[in-house]
Amino acid sequence: MTLDILIPAPGALALVLALVLLAQRAARWGGLVPRPGGGGRLAMVEFVALDPRRRLCLLRCDGRHVLVLTGGAQDLVVGWVDPPAPQEGA
C-alpha cells in the first residue's frame, strides 16, 4: 500500500460515520424511529399468528383493549376486551 492511499482513508471513514449519524438524527426527527418511553395513545399489546396470512391482534387505545383480526379478505374488529386487573402483591 502506498502512502497516498492511507492518508485519505481516515477522512473518508470520518465522513461516512458523520453521514450515518446525520441519517440517524434525520430519521428520529422525521418520526421513523420510535421515541423511548412511547406514551402514545395506541399500542400493540400482543398478537398471535393464526395461519400464514391472518393475525389476531390485541391493541390498547386510551386504556381500553380491542381485539382485531387482520390479513383476511377484510380486517375485522372482534370486540372490545376488558383490560386485565392489576395483580396484588406483585
Protein backbone atom coordinates (compact mmCIF):
# COMPACT_ATOMS: atom_id res chain seq x y z
CA MET A 1 0.00 0.00 0.00
CA THR A 2 1.25 3.42 -0.79
CA LEU A 3 1.09 6.47 1.40
CA ASP A 4 -1.29 8.33 -0.96
CA ILE A 5 -3.99 5.69 -0.25
CA LEU A 6 -3.51 5.58 3.54
CA ILE A 7 -3.75 9.33 4.15
CA PRO A 8 -7.34 9.95 2.86
CA ALA A 9 -8.74 6.72 4.40
CA PRO A 10 -9.34 8.14 7.93
CA GLY A 11 -11.00 11.21 6.43
CA ALA A 12 -13.30 9.07 4.32
CA LEU A 13 -14.16 6.93 7.35
CA ALA A 14 -14.95 10.04 9.39
CA LEU A 15 -17.18 11.34 6.58
CA VAL A 16 -19.12 8.06 6.36
CA LEU A 17 -19.62 7.95 10.14
CA ALA A 18 -20.82 11.56 10.12
CA LEU A 19 -23.33 10.75 7.38
CA VAL A 20 -24.63 7.74 9.35
CA LEU A 21 -25.11 9.87 12.47
CA LEU A 22 -26.82 12.57 10.41
CA ALA A 23 -29.18 9.98 8.88
CA GLN A 24 -30.00 8.66 12.36
CA ARG A 25 -30.87 12.15 13.59
CA ALA A 26 -32.99 12.80 10.50
CA ALA A 27 -34.88 9.52 10.98
CA ARG A 28 -35.55 10.34 14.62
CA TRP A 29 -36.65 13.88 13.77
CA GLY A 30 -38.88 12.62 10.95
CA GLY A 31 -40.68 10.15 13.22
CA LEU A 32 -39.27 6.98 11.66
CA VAL A 33 -37.68 5.84 14.94
CA PRO A 34 -39.98 5.29 17.94
CA ARG A 35 -39.19 7.55 20.84
CA PRO A 36 -38.17 5.93 24.12
CA GLY A 37 -40.98 5.62 26.63
CA GLY A 38 -43.68 5.63 23.97
CA GLY A 39 -46.54 7.19 25.90
CA GLY A 40 -48.73 7.24 22.80
CA ARG A 41 -52.44 6.60 22.77
CA LEU A 42 -52.19 3.49 20.61
CA ALA A 43 -50.03 0.40 21.19
CA MET A 44 -49.98 -3.24 20.16
CA VAL A 45 -50.13 -5.29 23.34
CA GLU A 46 -49.87 -8.76 21.82
CA PHE A 47 -50.53 -10.70 18.62
CA VAL A 48 -50.98 -14.34 17.63
CA ALA A 49 -50.41 -15.70 14.11
CA LEU A 50 -53.39 -17.91 13.26
CA ASP A 51 -52.00 -19.01 9.90
CA PRO A 52 -49.51 -17.57 7.37
CA ARG A 53 -51.91 -14.76 6.40
CA ARG A 54 -54.09 -13.96 9.42
CA ARG A 55 -53.21 -12.48 12.81
CA LEU A 56 -55.25 -11.81 15.89
CA CYS A 57 -54.02 -8.55 17.45
CA LEU A 58 -54.73 -7.10 20.87
CA LEU A 59 -54.43 -3.30 20.71
CA ARG A 60 -54.56 -0.75 23.53
CA CYS A 61 -56.22 2.57 22.79
CA ASP A 62 -56.72 5.16 25.56
CA GLY A 63 -56.61 2.47 28.26
CA ARG A 64 -59.12 0.19 26.54
CA HIS A 65 -58.27 -3.03 24.67
CA VAL A 66 -59.65 -4.08 21.29
CA LEU A 67 -59.23 -7.43 19.52
CA VAL A 68 -58.68 -7.15 15.74
CA LEU A 69 -58.42 -9.93 13.13
CA THR A 70 -56.18 -8.92 10.20
CA GLY A 71 -54.97 -10.49 6.97
CA GLY A 72 -58.16 -11.97 5.53
CA ALA A 73 -60.36 -10.56 2.81
CA GLN A 74 -61.06 -7.67 5.17
CA ASP A 75 -59.92 -6.72 8.65
CA LEU A 76 -62.43 -7.34 11.41
CA VAL A 77 -62.90 -5.83 14.87
CA VAL A 78 -63.73 -8.84 17.01
CA GLY A 79 -64.63 -6.77 20.04
CA TRP A 80 -63.55 -4.67 22.97
CA VAL A 81 -61.93 -6.55 25.84
CA ASP A 82 -61.68 -5.54 29.49
CA PRO A 83 -58.05 -4.85 30.41
CA PRO A 84 -56.54 -7.28 32.91
CA ALA A 85 -56.92 -6.40 36.57
CA PRO A 86 -53.74 -5.30 38.32
CA GLN A 87 -52.14 -8.14 40.27
CA GLU A 88 -51.83 -7.73 44.02
CA GLY A 89 -48.54 -8.43 45.72
CA ALA A 90 -46.50 -8.46 42.50
